[in-house]
PDB file of N, CA and C in Angstrom:
ATOM      1  N   MET A   1     -83.682  62.823  24.567  1.00  0.00           N
ATOM      2  CA  MET A   1     -82.484  62.908  23.738  1.00  0.00           C
ATOM      3  C   MET A   1     -81.518  63.914  24.342  1.00  0.00           C
ATOM      4  N   SER A   2     -80.262  63.539  24.419  1.00  0.00           N
ATOM      5  CA  SER A   2     -79.247  64.378  25.037  1.00  0.00           C
ATOM      6  C   SER A   2     -78.613  65.318  24.014  1.00  0.00           C
ATOM      7  N   ASP A   3     -78.343  66.541  24.464  1.00  0.00           N
ATOM      8  CA  ASP A   3     -77.634  67.508  23.625  1.00  0.00           C
ATOM      9  C   ASP A   3     -76.153  67.561  23.972  1.00  0.00           C
ATOM     10  N   ALA A   4     -75.694  66.625  24.802  1.00  0.00           N
ATOM     11  CA  ALA A   4     -74.287  66.598  25.202  1.00  0.00           C
ATOM     12  C   ALA A   4     -73.414  66.323  23.983  1.00  0.00           C
ATOM     13  N   PRO A   5     -72.285  67.030  23.864  1.00  0.00           N
ATOM     14  CA  PRO A   5     -71.387  66.780  22.743  1.00  0.00           C
ATOM     15  C   PRO A   5     -70.816  65.360  22.821  1.00  0.00           C
ATOM     16  N   ILE A   6     -70.550  64.792  21.667  1.00  0.00           N
ATOM     17  CA  ILE A   6     -69.983  63.445  21.612  1.00  0.00           C
ATOM     18  C   ILE A   6     -68.707  63.448  20.787  1.00  0.00           C
ATOM     19  N   CYS A   7     -67.889  62.465  21.031  1.00  0.00           N
ATOM     20  CA  CYS A   7     -66.658  62.294  20.251  1.00  0.00           C
ATOM     21  C   CYS A   7     -66.994  61.488  19.008  1.00  0.00           C
ATOM     22  N   THR A   8     -66.593  61.992  17.863  1.00  0.00           N
ATOM     23  CA  THR A   8     -66.853  61.310  16.594  1.00  0.00           C
ATOM     24  C   THR A   8     -65.640  60.523  16.116  1.00  0.00           C
ATOM     25  N   HIS A   9     -64.664  60.324  17.006  1.00  0.00           N
ATOM     26  CA  HIS A   9     -63.410  59.672  16.618  1.00  0.00           C
ATOM     27  C   HIS A   9     -63.130  58.374  17.379  1.00  0.00           C
ATOM     28  N   LEU A  10     -64.154  57.777  17.945  1.00  0.00           N
ATOM     29  CA  LEU A  10     -63.956  56.560  18.726  1.00  0.00           C
ATOM     30  C   LEU A  10     -63.379  55.419  17.894  1.00  0.00           C
ATOM     31  N   ASP A  11     -63.559  55.489  16.579  1.00  0.00           N
ATOM     32  CA  ASP A  11     -63.014  54.447  15.707  1.00  0.00           C
ATOM     33  C   ASP A  11     -61.485  54.511  15.603  1.00  0.00           C
ATOM     34  N   THR A  12     -60.860  55.562  16.158  1.00  0.00           N
ATOM     35  CA  THR A  12     -59.399  55.678  16.117  1.00  0.00           C
ATOM     36  C   THR A  12     -58.731  55.026  17.319  1.00  0.00           C
ATOM     37  N   VAL A  13     -59.518  54.577  18.293  1.00  0.00           N
ATOM     38  CA  VAL A  13     -58.951  53.967  19.498  1.00  0.00           C
ATOM     39  C   VAL A  13     -58.387  52.596  19.152  1.00  0.00           C
ATOM     40  N   GLU A  14     -57.084  52.479  19.243  1.00  0.00           N
ATOM     41  CA  GLU A  14     -56.409  51.206  19.011  1.00  0.00           C
ATOM     42  C   GLU A  14     -55.727  50.718  20.276  1.00  0.00           C
ATOM     43  N   VAL A  15     -55.307  51.650  21.121  1.00  0.00           N
ATOM     44  CA  VAL A  15     -54.630  51.301  22.366  1.00  0.00           C
ATOM     45  C   VAL A  15     -55.698  51.131  23.446  1.00  0.00           C
ATOM     46  N   THR A  16     -55.893  49.902  23.878  1.00  0.00           N
ATOM     47  CA  THR A  16     -56.903  49.634  24.902  1.00  0.00           C
ATOM     48  C   THR A  16     -56.288  49.337  26.254  1.00  0.00           C
ATOM     49  N   ASP A  17     -55.007  48.992  26.297  1.00  0.00           N
ATOM     50  CA  ASP A  17     -54.309  48.710  27.539  1.00  0.00           C
ATOM     51  C   ASP A  17     -53.529  49.959  27.937  1.00  0.00           C
ATOM     52  N   VAL A  18     -54.159  50.832  28.723  1.00  0.00           N
ATOM     53  CA  VAL A  18     -53.551  52.102  29.094  1.00  0.00           C
ATOM     54  C   VAL A  18     -52.603  51.895  30.272  1.00  0.00           C
ATOM     55  N   PRO A  19     -51.372  52.388  30.163  1.00  0.00           N
ATOM     56  CA  PRO A  19     -50.419  52.218  31.266  1.00  0.00           C
ATOM     57  C   PRO A  19     -50.817  53.058  32.475  1.00  0.00           C
ATOM     58  N   THR A  20     -50.302  52.698  33.623  1.00  0.00           N
ATOM     59  CA  THR A  20     -50.481  53.532  34.805  1.00  0.00           C
ATOM     60  C   THR A  20     -49.296  54.483  34.893  1.00  0.00           C
ATOM     61  N   ARG A  21     -49.465  55.556  35.612  1.00  0.00           N
ATOM     62  CA  ARG A  21     -48.364  56.516  35.751  1.00  0.00           C
ATOM     63  C   ARG A  21     -47.158  55.852  36.403  1.00  0.00           C
ATOM     64  N   ALA A  22     -47.408  54.923  37.312  1.00  0.00           N
ATOM     65  CA  ALA A  22     -46.305  54.242  37.995  1.00  0.00           C
ATOM     66  C   ALA A  22     -45.446  53.434  37.018  1.00  0.00           C
ATOM     67  N   ALA A  23     -46.056  53.021  35.903  1.00  0.00           N
ATOM     68  CA  ALA A  23     -45.331  52.198  34.929  1.00  0.00           C
ATOM     69  C   ALA A  23     -44.626  53.028  33.862  1.00  0.00           C
ATOM     70  N   VAL A  24     -44.820  54.336  33.874  1.00  0.00           N
ATOM     71  CA  VAL A  24     -44.276  55.216  32.829  1.00  0.00           C
ATOM     72  C   VAL A  24     -43.294  56.192  33.479  1.00  0.00           C
ATOM     73  N   PRO A  25     -42.072  56.304  32.952  1.00  0.00           N
ATOM     74  CA  PRO A  25     -41.085  57.199  33.563  1.00  0.00           C
ATOM     75  C   PRO A  25     -41.408  58.690  33.405  1.00  0.00           C
ATOM     76  N   GLY A  26     -42.253  59.045  32.445  1.00  0.00           N
ATOM     77  CA  GLY A  26     -42.609  60.448  32.248  1.00  0.00           C
ATOM     78  C   GLY A  26     -42.962  60.732  30.804  1.00  0.00           C
ATOM     79  N   CYS A  27     -43.094  62.009  30.478  1.00  0.00           N
ATOM     80  CA  CYS A  27     -43.383  62.450  29.117  1.00  0.00           C
ATOM     81  C   CYS A  27     -42.184  62.097  28.231  1.00  0.00           C
ATOM     82  N   GLU A  28     -42.441  61.371  27.169  1.00  0.00           N
ATOM     83  CA  GLU A  28     -41.357  60.920  26.294  1.00  0.00           C
ATOM     84  C   GLU A  28     -40.526  62.076  25.753  1.00  0.00           C
ATOM     85  N   GLU A  29     -41.188  63.140  25.325  1.00  0.00           N
ATOM     86  CA  GLU A  29     -40.462  64.280  24.745  1.00  0.00           C
ATOM     87  C   GLU A  29     -39.741  65.092  25.805  1.00  0.00           C
ATOM     88  N   CYS A  30     -40.366  65.301  26.964  1.00  0.00           N
ATOM     89  CA  CYS A  30     -39.695  66.036  28.044  1.00  0.00           C
ATOM     90  C   CYS A  30     -38.449  65.297  28.514  1.00  0.00           C
ATOM     91  N   LEU A  31     -38.524  63.978  28.574  1.00  0.00           N
ATOM     92  CA  LEU A  31     -37.355  63.199  28.976  1.00  0.00           C
ATOM     93  C   LEU A  31     -36.202  63.406  27.996  1.00  0.00           C
ATOM     94  N   LYS A  32     -36.513  63.553  26.718  1.00  0.00           N
ATOM     95  CA  LYS A  32     -35.474  63.767  25.703  1.00  0.00           C
ATOM     96  C   LYS A  32     -34.806  65.131  25.833  1.00  0.00           C
ATOM     97  N   ILE A  33     -35.589  66.154  26.189  1.00  0.00           N
ATOM     98  CA  ILE A  33     -35.065  67.518  26.210  1.00  0.00           C
ATOM     99  C   ILE A  33     -34.764  68.041  27.606  1.00  0.00           C
ATOM    100  N   GLY A  34     -35.008  67.226  28.615  1.00  0.00           N
ATOM    101  CA  GLY A  34     -34.788  67.676  29.989  1.00  0.00           C
ATOM    102  C   GLY A  34     -35.892  68.589  30.481  1.00  0.00           C
ATOM    103  N   GLY A  35     -37.074  68.465  29.898  1.00  0.00           N
ATOM    104  CA  GLY A  35     -38.211  69.287  30.292  1.00  0.00           C
ATOM    105  C   GLY A  35     -38.910  68.736  31.523  1.00  0.00           C
ATOM    106  N   ARG A  36     -39.947  69.434  31.949  1.00  0.00           N
ATOM    107  CA  ARG A  36     -40.718  68.988  33.100  1.00  0.00           C
ATOM    108  C   ARG A  36     -42.193  68.926  32.728  1.00  0.00           C
ATOM    109  N   TRP A  37     -42.949  68.149  33.479  1.00  0.00           N
ATOM    110  CA  TRP A  37     -44.366  67.970  33.207  1.00  0.00           C
ATOM    111  C   TRP A  37     -45.131  67.950  34.512  1.00  0.00           C
ATOM    112  N   LEU A  38     -46.442  68.192  34.401  1.00  0.00           N
ATOM    113  CA  LEU A  38     -47.323  68.135  35.566  1.00  0.00           C
ATOM    114  C   LEU A  38     -48.125  66.832  35.576  1.00  0.00           C
ATOM    115  N   HIS A  39     -48.780  66.542  34.469  1.00  0.00           N
ATOM    116  CA  HIS A  39     -49.637  65.359  34.364  1.00  0.00           C
ATOM    117  C   HIS A  39     -49.357  64.670  33.032  1.00  0.00           C
ATOM    118  N   LEU A  40     -49.629  63.370  32.993  1.00  0.00           N
ATOM    119  CA  LEU A  40     -49.345  62.599  31.788  1.00  0.00           C
ATOM    120  C   LEU A  40     -50.613  62.132  31.091  1.00  0.00           C
ATOM    121  N   ARG A  41     -50.541  62.087  29.767  1.00  0.00           N
ATOM    122  CA  ARG A  41     -51.635  61.608  28.915  1.00  0.00           C
ATOM    123  C   ARG A  41     -51.061  60.571  27.958  1.00  0.00           C
ATOM    124  N   VAL A  42     -51.900  59.632  27.533  1.00  0.00           N
ATOM    125  CA  VAL A  42     -51.473  58.621  26.572  1.00  0.00           C
ATOM    126  C   VAL A  42     -52.350  58.733  25.325  1.00  0.00           C
ATOM    127  N   CYS A  43     -51.725  58.651  24.175  1.00  0.00           N
ATOM    128  CA  CYS A  43     -52.435  58.673  22.899  1.00  0.00           C
ATOM    129  C   CYS A  43     -53.132  57.328  22.732  1.00  0.00           C
ATOM    130  N   ARG A  44     -54.435  57.362  22.464  1.00  0.00           N
ATOM    131  CA  ARG A  44     -55.173  56.114  22.329  1.00  0.00           C
ATOM    132  C   ARG A  44     -55.076  55.532  20.926  1.00  0.00           C
ATOM    133  N   THR A  45     -54.365  56.197  20.021  1.00  0.00           N
ATOM    134  CA  THR A  45     -54.128  55.635  18.697  1.00  0.00           C
ATOM    135  C   THR A  45     -52.812  54.866  18.679  1.00  0.00           C
ATOM    136  N   CYS A  46     -51.732  55.451  19.250  1.00  0.00           N
ATOM    137  CA  CYS A  46     -50.415  54.819  19.140  1.00  0.00           C
ATOM    138  C   CYS A  46     -49.735  54.508  20.469  1.00  0.00           C
ATOM    139  N   GLY A  47     -50.251  55.029  21.575  1.00  0.00           N
ATOM    140  CA  GLY A  47     -49.676  54.741  22.876  1.00  0.00           C
ATOM    141  C   GLY A  47     -48.579  55.680  23.341  1.00  0.00           C
ATOM    142  N   LYS A  48     -48.269  56.729  22.583  1.00  0.00           N
ATOM    143  CA  LYS A  48     -47.236  57.695  22.980  1.00  0.00           C
ATOM    144  C   LYS A  48     -47.693  58.428  24.247  1.00  0.00           C
ATOM    145  N   VAL A  49     -46.776  58.592  25.192  1.00  0.00           N
ATOM    146  CA  VAL A  49     -47.066  59.294  26.437  1.00  0.00           C
ATOM    147  C   VAL A  49     -46.509  60.699  26.355  1.00  0.00           C
ATOM    148  N   GLY A  50     -47.365  61.677  26.659  1.00  0.00           N
ATOM    149  CA  GLY A  50     -46.955  63.069  26.617  1.00  0.00           C
ATOM    150  C   GLY A  50     -47.503  63.837  27.798  1.00  0.00           C
ATOM    151  N   CYS A  51     -47.032  65.059  27.951  1.00  0.00           N
ATOM    152  CA  CYS A  51     -47.469  65.894  29.065  1.00  0.00           C
ATOM    153  C   CYS A  51     -48.738  66.665  28.715  1.00  0.00           C
ATOM    154  N   CYS A  52     -49.474  67.031  29.755  1.00  0.00           N
ATOM    155  CA  CYS A  52     -50.772  67.688  29.610  1.00  0.00           C
ATOM    156  C   CYS A  52     -50.627  69.154  29.174  1.00  0.00           C
ATOM    157  N   ASP A  53     -51.756  69.795  28.926  1.00  0.00           N
ATOM    158  CA  ASP A  53     -51.753  71.193  28.499  1.00  0.00           C
ATOM    159  C   ASP A  53     -51.415  72.172  29.621  1.00  0.00           C
ATOM    160  N   SER A  54     -51.393  71.704  30.873  1.00  0.00           N
ATOM    161  CA  SER A  54     -50.941  72.552  31.980  1.00  0.00           C
ATOM    162  C   SER A  54     -49.428  72.508  32.123  1.00  0.00           C
ATOM    163  N   SER A  55     -48.783  71.607  31.418  1.00  0.00           N
ATOM    164  CA  SER A  55     -47.327  71.495  31.421  1.00  0.00           C
ATOM    165  C   SER A  55     -46.735  72.501  30.438  1.00  0.00           C
ATOM    166  N   PRO A  56     -45.496  72.934  30.650  1.00  0.00           N
ATOM    167  CA  PRO A  56     -44.915  73.954  29.781  1.00  0.00           C
ATOM    168  C   PRO A  56     -44.897  73.607  28.286  1.00  0.00           C
ATOM    169  N   ASN A  57     -44.655  72.342  27.940  1.00  0.00           N
ATOM    170  CA  ASN A  57     -44.491  72.004  26.529  1.00  0.00           C
ATOM    171  C   ASN A  57     -45.715  71.390  25.845  1.00  0.00           C
ATOM    172  N   LYS A  58     -46.712  70.999  26.599  1.00  0.00           N
ATOM    173  CA  LYS A  58     -47.977  70.488  26.043  1.00  0.00           C
ATOM    174  C   LYS A  58     -47.754  69.416  24.973  1.00  0.00           C
ATOM    175  N   HIS A  59     -46.871  68.473  25.254  1.00  0.00           N
ATOM    176  CA  HIS A  59     -46.493  67.483  24.246  1.00  0.00           C
ATOM    177  C   HIS A  59     -47.627  66.557  23.813  1.00  0.00           C
ATOM    178  N   ALA A  60     -48.548  66.211  24.709  1.00  0.00           N
ATOM    179  CA  ALA A  60     -49.630  65.294  24.327  1.00  0.00           C
ATOM    180  C   ALA A  60     -50.513  65.922  23.253  1.00  0.00           C
ATOM    181  N   SER A  61     -50.938  67.148  23.471  1.00  0.00           N
ATOM    182  CA  SER A  61     -51.783  67.824  22.472  1.00  0.00           C
ATOM    183  C   SER A  61     -51.016  68.108  21.187  1.00  0.00           C
ATOM    184  N   ALA A  62     -49.731  68.447  21.313  1.00  0.00           N
ATOM    185  CA  ALA A  62     -48.914  68.681  20.115  1.00  0.00           C
ATOM    186  C   ALA A  62     -48.835  67.402  19.280  1.00  0.00           C
ATOM    187  N   HIS A  63     -48.642  66.279  19.933  1.00  0.00           N
ATOM    188  CA  HIS A  63     -48.604  64.993  19.228  1.00  0.00           C
ATOM    189  C   HIS A  63     -49.943  64.720  18.558  1.00  0.00           C
ATOM    190  N   ALA A  64     -51.022  64.925  19.281  1.00  0.00           N
ATOM    191  CA  ALA A  64     -52.356  64.668  18.731  1.00  0.00           C
ATOM    192  C   ALA A  64     -52.589  65.489  17.464  1.00  0.00           C
ATOM    193  N   GLY A  65     -52.213  66.758  17.500  1.00  0.00           N
ATOM    194  CA  GLY A  65     -52.396  67.612  16.335  1.00  0.00           C
ATOM    195  C   GLY A  65     -51.492  67.256  15.176  1.00  0.00           C
ATOM    196  N   ALA A  66     -50.230  66.995  15.472  1.00  0.00           N
ATOM    197  CA  ALA A  66     -49.258  66.704  14.416  1.00  0.00           C
ATOM    198  C   ALA A  66     -49.519  65.359  13.744  1.00  0.00           C
ATOM    199  N   GLU A  67     -49.953  64.381  14.512  1.00  0.00           N
ATOM    200  CA  GLU A  67     -50.138  63.027  13.985  1.00  0.00           C
ATOM    201  C   GLU A  67     -51.572  62.716  13.587  1.00  0.00           C
ATOM    202  N   GLY A  68     -52.500  63.592  13.923  1.00  0.00           N
ATOM    203  CA  GLY A  68     -53.915  63.320  13.626  1.00  0.00           C
ATOM    204  C   GLY A  68     -54.477  62.209  14.500  1.00  0.00           C
ATOM    205  N   HIS A  69     -53.956  62.089  15.716  1.00  0.00           N
ATOM    206  CA  HIS A  69     -54.414  61.099  16.688  1.00  0.00           C
ATOM    207  C   HIS A  69     -55.278  61.836  17.713  1.00  0.00           C
ATOM    208  N   PRO A  70     -56.592  61.799  17.588  1.00  0.00           N
ATOM    209  CA  PRO A  70     -57.455  62.717  18.328  1.00  0.00           C
ATOM    210  C   PRO A  70     -57.726  62.432  19.793  1.00  0.00           C
ATOM    211  N   ILE A  71     -57.573  61.198  20.266  1.00  0.00           N
ATOM    212  CA  ILE A  71     -58.017  60.879  21.624  1.00  0.00           C
ATOM    213  C   ILE A  71     -56.835  60.629  22.556  1.00  0.00           C
ATOM    214  N   LEU A  72     -56.851  61.372  23.664  1.00  0.00           N
ATOM    215  CA  LEU A  72     -55.852  61.238  24.715  1.00  0.00           C
ATOM    216  C   LEU A  72     -56.555  60.797  25.986  1.00  0.00           C
ATOM    217  N   SER A  73     -55.888  59.965  26.785  1.00  0.00           N
ATOM    218  CA  SER A  73     -56.439  59.544  28.069  1.00  0.00           C
ATOM    219  C   SER A  73     -55.478  59.899  29.181  1.00  0.00           C
ATOM    220  N   SER A  74     -56.027  60.259  30.327  1.00  0.00           N
ATOM    221  CA  SER A  74     -55.204  60.509  31.494  1.00  0.00           C
ATOM    222  C   SER A  74     -54.639  59.191  32.003  1.00  0.00           C
ATOM    223  N   ILE A  75     -53.397  59.228  32.473  1.00  0.00           N
ATOM    224  CA  ILE A  75     -52.845  58.055  33.152  1.00  0.00           C
ATOM    225  C   ILE A  75     -52.510  58.409  34.598  1.00  0.00           C
ATOM    226  N   GLU A  76     -53.170  59.450  35.100  1.00  0.00           N
ATOM    227  CA  GLU A  76     -52.978  59.852  36.489  1.00  0.00           C
ATOM    228  C   GLU A  76     -53.740  58.903  37.413  1.00  0.00           C
ATOM    229  N   PRO A  77     -53.201  58.654  38.604  1.00  0.00           N
ATOM    230  CA  PRO A  77     -53.887  57.775  39.552  1.00  0.00           C
ATOM    231  C   PRO A  77     -55.312  58.260  39.845  1.00  0.00           C
ATOM    232  N   GLY A  78     -56.259  57.339  39.791  1.00  0.00           N
ATOM    233  CA  GLY A  78     -57.651  57.655  40.099  1.00  0.00           C
ATOM    234  C   GLY A  78     -58.423  58.334  38.973  1.00  0.00           C
ATOM    235  N   GLU A  79     -57.791  58.565  37.836  1.00  0.00           N
ATOM    236  CA  GLU A  79     -58.478  59.215  36.710  1.00  0.00           C
ATOM    237  C   GLU A  79     -58.700  58.197  35.595  1.00  0.00           C
ATOM    238  N   ASP A  80     -59.916  58.195  35.041  1.00  0.00           N
ATOM    239  CA  ASP A  80     -60.227  57.252  33.966  1.00  0.00           C
ATOM    240  C   ASP A  80     -60.876  57.934  32.772  1.00  0.00           C
ATOM    241  N   TRP A  81     -60.601  59.223  32.587  1.00  0.00           N
ATOM    242  CA  TRP A  81     -61.242  59.977  31.517  1.00  0.00           C
ATOM    243  C   TRP A  81     -60.342  60.094  30.284  1.00  0.00           C
ATOM    244  N   SER A  82     -61.004  60.389  29.179  1.00  0.00           N
ATOM    245  CA  SER A  82     -60.324  60.636  27.901  1.00  0.00           C
ATOM    246  C   SER A  82     -60.796  61.969  27.353  1.00  0.00           C
ATOM    247  N   TRP A  83     -60.043  62.499  26.403  1.00  0.00           N
ATOM    248  CA  TRP A  83     -60.360  63.798  25.798  1.00  0.00           C
ATOM    249  C   TRP A  83     -60.138  63.702  24.299  1.00  0.00           C
ATOM    250  N   CYS A  84     -61.106  64.148  23.528  1.00  0.00           N
ATOM    251  CA  CYS A  84     -60.956  64.244  22.080  1.00  0.00           C
ATOM    252  C   CYS A  84     -60.533  65.670  21.764  1.00  0.00           C
ATOM    253  N   VAL A  85     -59.311  65.828  21.249  1.00  0.00           N
ATOM    254  CA  VAL A  85     -58.792  67.165  20.962  1.00  0.00           C
ATOM    255  C   VAL A  85     -59.478  67.802  19.760  1.00  0.00           C
ATOM    256  N   VAL A  86     -60.095  67.007  18.913  1.00  0.00           N
ATOM    257  CA  VAL A  86     -60.784  67.542  17.736  1.00  0.00           C
ATOM    258  C   VAL A  86     -62.182  68.024  18.117  1.00  0.00           C
ATOM    259  N   ASP A  87     -62.939  67.160  18.774  1.00  0.00           N
ATOM    260  CA  ASP A  87     -64.314  67.508  19.151  1.00  0.00           C
ATOM    261  C   ASP A  87     -64.379  68.297  20.452  1.00  0.00           C
ATOM    262  N   GLU A  88     -63.249  68.409  21.158  1.00  0.00           N
ATOM    263  CA  GLU A  88     -63.157  69.120  22.437  1.00  0.00           C
ATOM    264  C   GLU A  88     -64.215  68.629  23.413  1.00  0.00           C
ATOM    265  N   VAL A  89     -64.188  67.309  23.644  1.00  0.00           N
ATOM    266  CA  VAL A  89     -65.149  66.713  24.561  1.00  0.00           C
ATOM    267  C   VAL A  89     -64.454  65.648  25.385  1.00  0.00           C
ATOM    268  N   GLY A  90     -64.796  65.605  26.660  1.00  0.00           N
ATOM    269  CA  GLY A  90     -64.274  64.587  27.552  1.00  0.00           C
ATOM    270  C   GLY A  90     -65.281  63.465  27.730  1.00  0.00           C
ATOM    271  N   PHE A  91     -64.792  62.283  28.041  1.00  0.00           N
ATOM    272  CA  PHE A  91     -65.666  61.128  28.220  1.00  0.00           C
ATOM    273  C   PHE A  91     -64.875  60.005  28.861  1.00  0.00           C
ATOM    274  N   VAL A  92     -65.579  58.949  29.252  1.00  0.00           N
ATOM    275  CA  VAL A  92     -64.952  57.764  29.822  1.00  0.00           C
ATOM    276  C   VAL A  92     -65.123  56.630  28.824  1.00  0.00           C
ATOM    277  N   LEU A  93     -64.020  56.008  28.463  1.00  0.00           N
ATOM    278  CA  LEU A  93     -64.067  54.839  27.564  1.00  0.00           C
ATOM    279  C   LEU A  93     -64.290  53.601  28.415  1.00  0.00           C
ATOM    280  N   ASP A  94     -65.147  52.724  27.942  1.00  0.00           N
ATOM    281  CA  ASP A  94     -65.382  51.461  28.668  1.00  0.00           C
ATOM    282  C   ASP A  94     -64.363  50.434  28.295  1.00  0.00           C
TER     283      ASP A  94
END
């Protein structure tokens, strides 16, 4: 039996077709305010694209907290991981 932490919010995943970074112009909120971002994440509940926590505005996590949408996925090239902001655990969705 594994003691690895698990995400208890998999039932919130509604967005299964994750965009690639090449298909997304950038963080939706940064584009509105003229901000900058380092990496992009997509909300797996509603599909909103936001910037990562290494970016100045941390829009993806802010969206997750404000909207109660717990799972974010990377849309960076070569990355296929997701993160649950509530359970603070990373994983790969099949």
